[in-house]
Amino acid sequence: MATVTEKDIIHHLKEKIKFHQNEAKRIENLLSAFTNDYHTSRSRKAKSEADDEEIDSAPEEFVKSSRKANDASGVATASVKPLEIPEKYTDDLPIIAKIAFALNEIGSGFNEDIANTMAQYEPKSDAKKISKQISGILSTLKSKGQLNTEKVGRKDKLSLVIPA
């Protein structure tokens, strides 16, 4: 049976802090877009780059509605930044990189399949614990559009987004 170390917990919490800091920054940018007329003060190129960055980190509902509006107007839509796949699996990798590596190995699979693949590279770990540990992260990656999903019954079969 594998144990979760303090190092794993600290690393996971640091990743959560980074995520929430980025989310807070994105929300501040959106708020300032509504309260200030900052879109008109930037050049067209800078505005486009900033909008693409905001869309990459926006919730999926916002991205879908923005894409529908852009598709209707004929403006090109922003692409989602795919996950980076590490060359090899090491204990030092962030959990998202471990997930990307495992998904790259199996092609596509459910949460349990990804956890089982990760457990193969972590002999002291338990696939069930890994499955619980990664379920929230997989949900976040799915909502950001960084993972493809296919509904199979009540479960989502996940795969990596292939760069265009």
C-alpha atoms as a PDB file:
ATOM      1  CA  MET A   1       0.000   0.000   0.000  1.00  0.00           C
ATOM      2  CA  ALA A   2       1.426   3.344  -0.999  1.00  0.00           C
ATOM      3  CA  THR A   3       1.462   6.307   1.304  1.00  0.00           C
ATOM      4  CA  VAL A   4       1.086   9.918   0.424  1.00  0.00           C
ATOM      5  CA  THR A   5       4.082  11.797   1.742  1.00  0.00           C
ATOM      6  CA  GLU A   6       4.210  15.295   3.141  1.00  0.00           C
ATOM      7  CA  LYS A   7       6.165  16.266   0.035  1.00  0.00           C
ATOM      8  CA  ASP A   8       3.264  15.092  -2.180  1.00  0.00           C
ATOM      9  CA  ILE A   9       0.751  17.064  -0.124  1.00  0.00           C
ATOM     10  CA  ILE A  10       2.901  20.209  -0.119  1.00  0.00           C
ATOM     11  CA  HIS A  11       3.441  19.932  -3.877  1.00  0.00           C
ATOM     12  CA  HIS A  12      -0.293  19.470  -4.495  1.00  0.00           C
ATOM     13  CA  LEU A  13      -1.181  22.448  -2.280  1.00  0.00           C
ATOM     14  CA  LYS A  14       1.373  24.650  -4.050  1.00  0.00           C
ATOM     15  CA  GLU A  15      -0.200  23.704  -7.389  1.00  0.00           C
ATOM     16  CA  LYS A  16      -3.637  24.618  -6.016  1.00  0.00           C
ATOM     17  CA  ILE A  17      -2.282  28.003  -4.848  1.00  0.00           C
ATOM     18  CA  LYS A  18      -0.873  28.720  -8.323  1.00  0.00           C
ATOM     19  CA  PHE A  19      -4.174  27.723  -9.930  1.00  0.00           C
ATOM     20  CA  HIS A  20      -6.216  29.985  -7.647  1.00  0.00           C
ATOM     21  CA  GLN A  21      -3.792  32.894  -8.077  1.00  0.00           C
ATOM     22  CA  ASN A  22      -4.111  32.603 -11.853  1.00  0.00           C
ATOM     23  CA  GLU A  23      -7.877  32.341 -11.545  1.00  0.00           C
ATOM     24  CA  ALA A  24      -8.004  35.470  -9.332  1.00  0.00           C
ATOM     25  CA  LYS A  25      -5.868  37.374 -11.839  1.00  0.00           C
ATOM     26  CA  ARG A  26      -8.148  36.286 -14.695  1.00  0.00           C
ATOM     27  CA  ILE A  27     -11.224  37.421 -12.779  1.00  0.00           C
ATOM     28  CA  GLU A  28      -9.597  40.791 -11.991  1.00  0.00           C
ATOM     29  CA  ASN A  29      -8.879  41.238 -15.709  1.00  0.00           C
ATOM     30  CA  LEU A  30     -12.466  40.413 -16.581  1.00  0.00           C
ATOM     31  CA  LEU A  31     -13.753  42.795 -13.914  1.00  0.00           C
ATOM     32  CA  SER A  32     -11.544  45.606 -15.151  1.00  0.00           C
ATOM     33  CA  ALA A  33     -12.783  44.936 -18.687  1.00  0.00           C
ATOM     34  CA  PHE A  34     -16.305  45.679 -17.513  1.00  0.00           C
ATOM     35  CA  THR A  35     -15.491  48.614 -15.232  1.00  0.00           C
ATOM     36  CA  ASN A  36     -12.799  50.293 -17.313  1.00  0.00           C
ATOM     37  CA  ASP A  37     -12.672  50.795 -21.006  1.00  0.00           C
ATOM     38  CA  TYR A  38      -9.249  49.159 -21.117  1.00  0.00           C
ATOM     39  CA  HIS A  39      -9.964  47.243 -24.322  1.00  0.00           C
ATOM     40  CA  THR A  40      -9.975  50.448 -26.351  1.00  0.00           C
ATOM     41  CA  SER A  41      -6.716  51.676 -24.814  1.00  0.00           C
ATOM     42  CA  ARG A  42      -4.710  48.689 -26.063  1.00  0.00           C
ATOM     43  CA  SER A  43      -3.583  48.079 -29.578  1.00  0.00           C
ATOM     44  CA  ARG A  44      -5.528  45.524 -31.611  1.00  0.00           C
ATOM     45  CA  LYS A  45      -2.641  43.025 -31.461  1.00  0.00           C
ATOM     46  CA  ALA A  46      -2.153  43.320 -27.704  1.00  0.00           C
ATOM     47  CA  LYS A  47      -5.910  42.979 -27.179  1.00  0.00           C
ATOM     48  CA  SER A  48      -6.047  39.836 -29.285  1.00  0.00           C
ATOM     49  CA  GLU A  49      -3.145  38.229 -27.396  1.00  0.00           C
ATOM     50  CA  ALA A  50      -4.648  39.101 -24.007  1.00  0.00           C
ATOM     51  CA  ASP A  51      -8.068  37.809 -25.041  1.00  0.00           C
ATOM     52  CA  ASP A  52      -6.522  34.518 -26.200  1.00  0.00           C
ATOM     53  CA  GLU A  53      -4.753  34.200 -22.829  1.00  0.00           C
ATOM     54  CA  GLU A  54      -7.995  34.892 -20.935  1.00  0.00           C
ATOM     55  CA  ILE A  55      -9.872  32.333 -23.020  1.00  0.00           C
ATOM     56  CA  ASP A  56      -7.181  29.699 -22.353  1.00  0.00           C
ATOM     57  CA  SER A  57      -7.745  30.040 -18.606  1.00  0.00           C
ATOM     58  CA  ALA A  58     -11.495  30.728 -18.662  1.00  0.00           C
ATOM     59  CA  PRO A  59     -14.155  28.277 -17.508  1.00  0.00           C
ATOM     60  CA  GLU A  60     -15.499  26.039 -20.287  1.00  0.00           C
ATOM     61  CA  GLU A  61     -18.981  27.672 -20.275  1.00  0.00           C
ATOM     62  CA  PHE A  62     -17.414  31.062 -21.014  1.00  0.00           C
ATOM     63  CA  VAL A  63     -15.141  29.619 -23.697  1.00  0.00           C
ATOM     64  CA  LYS A  64     -18.050  27.868 -25.424  1.00  0.00           C
ATOM     65  CA  SER A  65     -20.194  31.009 -25.497  1.00  0.00           C
ATOM     66  CA  SER A  66     -17.232  33.101 -26.704  1.00  0.00           C
ATOM     67  CA  ARG A  67     -16.452  30.599 -29.445  1.00  0.00           C
ATOM     68  CA  LYS A  68     -20.082  30.544 -30.581  1.00  0.00           C
ATOM     69  CA  ALA A  69     -20.089  34.338 -30.796  1.00  0.00           C
ATOM     70  CA  ASN A  70     -16.768  34.343 -32.675  1.00  0.00           C
ATOM     71  CA  ASP A  71     -17.928  31.606 -35.055  1.00  0.00           C
ATOM     72  CA  ALA A  72     -21.071  33.589 -35.861  1.00  0.00           C
ATOM     73  CA  SER A  73     -19.048  36.721 -36.549  1.00  0.00           C
ATOM     74  CA  GLY A  74     -16.450  34.896 -38.650  1.00  0.00           C
ATOM     75  CA  VAL A  75     -13.577  35.746 -36.291  1.00  0.00           C
ATOM     76  CA  ALA A  76     -11.085  32.929 -35.675  1.00  0.00           C
ATOM     77  CA  THR A  77     -11.441  31.165 -32.326  1.00  0.00           C
ATOM     78  CA  ALA A  78      -8.674  30.681 -29.768  1.00  0.00           C
ATOM     79  CA  SER A  79      -7.073  27.285 -29.386  1.00  0.00           C
ATOM     80  CA  VAL A  80      -6.532  25.494 -26.093  1.00  0.00           C
ATOM     81  CA  LYS A  81      -2.962  24.983 -24.957  1.00  0.00           C
ATOM     82  CA  PRO A  82      -2.319  21.204 -24.884  1.00  0.00           C
ATOM     83  CA  LEU A  83      -0.615  19.504 -21.949  1.00  0.00           C
ATOM     84  CA  GLU A  84       3.131  19.034 -22.192  1.00  0.00           C
ATOM     85  CA  ILE A  85       4.153  15.373 -22.152  1.00  0.00           C
ATOM     86  CA  PRO A  86       7.386  14.672 -20.251  1.00  0.00           C
ATOM     87  CA  GLU A  87       9.977  12.359 -21.792  1.00  0.00           C
ATOM     88  CA  LYS A  88      10.078  10.102 -18.742  1.00  0.00           C
ATOM     89  CA  TYR A  89       8.119   9.545 -15.562  1.00  0.00           C
ATOM     90  CA  THR A  90       9.874  10.646 -12.377  1.00  0.00           C
ATOM     91  CA  ASP A  91       8.753  11.282  -8.797  1.00  0.00           C
ATOM     92  CA  ASP A  92       9.725  14.951  -9.204  1.00  0.00           C
ATOM     93  CA  LEU A  93       7.140  15.614 -11.931  1.00  0.00           C
ATOM     94  CA  PRO A  94       4.089  17.713 -11.066  1.00  0.00           C
ATOM     95  CA  ILE A  95       0.885  15.692 -10.918  1.00  0.00           C
ATOM     96  CA  ILE A  96      -0.395  17.191 -14.188  1.00  0.00           C
ATOM     97  CA  ALA A  97       2.769  16.080 -16.001  1.00  0.00           C
ATOM     98  CA  LYS A  98       2.361  12.582 -14.530  1.00  0.00           C
ATOM     99  CA  ILE A  99      -1.230  12.503 -15.808  1.00  0.00           C
ATOM    100  CA  ALA A 100      -0.113  13.667 -19.271  1.00  0.00           C
ATOM    101  CA  PHE A 101       2.590  10.990 -19.360  1.00  0.00           C
ATOM    102  CA  ALA A 102       0.135   8.262 -18.317  1.00  0.00           C
ATOM    103  CA  LEU A 103      -2.478   9.359 -20.874  1.00  0.00           C
ATOM    104  CA  ASN A 104       0.183   9.443 -23.565  1.00  0.00           C
ATOM    105  CA  GLU A 105       1.106   5.861 -22.641  1.00  0.00           C
ATOM    106  CA  ILE A 106      -2.444   4.464 -22.792  1.00  0.00           C
ATOM    107  CA  GLY A 107      -3.913   6.728 -25.475  1.00  0.00           C
ATOM    108  CA  SER A 108      -7.265   7.116 -23.736  1.00  0.00           C
ATOM    109  CA  GLY A 109      -8.870   5.799 -20.597  1.00  0.00           C
ATOM    110  CA  PHE A 110     -10.940   6.384 -17.521  1.00  0.00           C
ATOM    111  CA  ASN A 111      -9.699   7.848 -14.232  1.00  0.00           C
ATOM    112  CA  GLU A 112      -8.892   4.330 -12.956  1.00  0.00           C
ATOM    113  CA  ASP A 113      -6.888   3.480 -16.097  1.00  0.00           C
ATOM    114  CA  ILE A 114      -4.788   6.615 -15.701  1.00  0.00           C
ATOM    115  CA  ALA A 115      -4.255   5.859 -12.001  1.00  0.00           C
ATOM    116  CA  ASN A 116      -3.235   2.255 -12.757  1.00  0.00           C
ATOM    117  CA  THR A 117      -0.689   3.465 -15.317  1.00  0.00           C
ATOM    118  CA  MET A 118       0.709   5.990 -12.841  1.00  0.00           C
ATOM    119  CA  ALA A 119       0.882   3.268 -10.151  1.00  0.00           C
ATOM    120  CA  GLN A 120       3.081   1.162 -12.431  1.00  0.00           C
ATOM    121  CA  TYR A 121       5.716   3.907 -12.272  1.00  0.00           C
ATOM    122  CA  GLU A 122       5.299   4.402  -8.532  1.00  0.00           C
ATOM    123  CA  PRO A 123       5.861   0.980  -6.948  1.00  0.00           C
ATOM    124  CA  LYS A 124       5.078   2.231  -3.437  1.00  0.00           C
ATOM    125  CA  SER A 125       1.743   3.737  -4.466  1.00  0.00           C
ATOM    126  CA  ASP A 126      -1.831   2.492  -4.558  1.00  0.00           C
ATOM    127  CA  ALA A 127      -3.897   2.969  -7.719  1.00  0.00           C
ATOM    128  CA  LYS A 128      -7.059   3.641  -5.689  1.00  0.00           C
ATOM    129  CA  LYS A 129      -5.416   6.482  -3.769  1.00  0.00           C
ATOM    130  CA  ILE A 130      -3.967   7.918  -6.969  1.00  0.00           C
ATOM    131  CA  SER A 131      -7.420   7.716  -8.565  1.00  0.00           C
ATOM    132  CA  LYS A 132      -8.922   9.769  -5.733  1.00  0.00           C
ATOM    133  CA  GLN A 133      -5.991  12.192  -5.855  1.00  0.00           C
ATOM    134  CA  ILE A 134      -6.298  12.884  -9.584  1.00  0.00           C
ATOM    135  CA  SER A 135     -10.083  12.990  -9.993  1.00  0.00           C
ATOM    136  CA  GLY A 136     -10.367  16.715  -9.216  1.00  0.00           C
ATOM    137  CA  ILE A 137      -7.356  17.539 -11.366  1.00  0.00           C
ATOM    138  CA  LEU A 138      -8.807  15.582 -14.298  1.00  0.00           C
ATOM    139  CA  SER A 139     -12.073  17.461 -13.890  1.00  0.00           C
ATOM    140  CA  THR A 140     -10.245  20.797 -13.974  1.00  0.00           C
ATOM    141  CA  LEU A 141      -8.222  19.813 -17.061  1.00  0.00           C
ATOM    142  CA  LYS A 142     -11.423  18.624 -18.751  1.00  0.00           C
ATOM    143  CA  SER A 143     -13.247  21.890 -18.004  1.00  0.00           C
ATOM    144  CA  LYS A 144     -10.313  23.901 -19.381  1.00  0.00           C
ATOM    145  CA  GLY A 145     -10.500  21.883 -22.594  1.00  0.00           C
ATOM    146  CA  GLN A 146      -7.042  20.396 -22.111  1.00  0.00           C
ATOM    147  CA  LEU A 147      -8.437  16.844 -22.216  1.00  0.00           C
ATOM    148  CA  ASN A 148     -10.815  15.338 -24.738  1.00  0.00           C
ATOM    149  CA  THR A 149     -13.745  13.441 -23.262  1.00  0.00           C
ATOM    150  CA  GLU A 150     -16.012  10.760 -24.590  1.00  0.00           C
ATOM    151  CA  LYS A 151     -19.073   9.818 -22.544  1.00  0.00           C
ATOM    152  CA  VAL A 152     -19.227   6.060 -21.962  1.00  0.00           C
ATOM    153  CA  GLY A 153     -22.270   5.399 -19.850  1.00  0.00           C
ATOM    154  CA  ARG A 154     -21.954   7.668 -16.829  1.00  0.00           C
ATOM    155  CA  LYS A 155     -18.156   7.915 -17.062  1.00  0.00           C
ATOM    156  CA  ASP A 156     -15.836  10.077 -19.121  1.00  0.00           C
ATOM    157  CA  LYS A 157     -13.151   8.415 -21.201  1.00  0.00           C
ATOM    158  CA  LEU A 158     -10.279  10.886 -21.363  1.00  0.00           C
ATOM    159  CA  SER A 159      -7.551  11.500 -23.930  1.00  0.00           C
ATOM    160  CA  LEU A 160      -4.979  14.192 -24.615  1.00  0.00           C
ATOM    161  CA  VAL A 161      -5.823  17.162 -26.809  1.00  0.00           C
ATOM    162  CA  ILE A 162      -3.668  16.857 -29.918  1.00  0.00           C
ATOM    163  CA  PRO A 163      -1.981  20.138 -30.922  1.00  0.00           C
ATOM    164  CA  ALA A 164      -3.125  21.560 -34.244  1.00  0.00           C
END
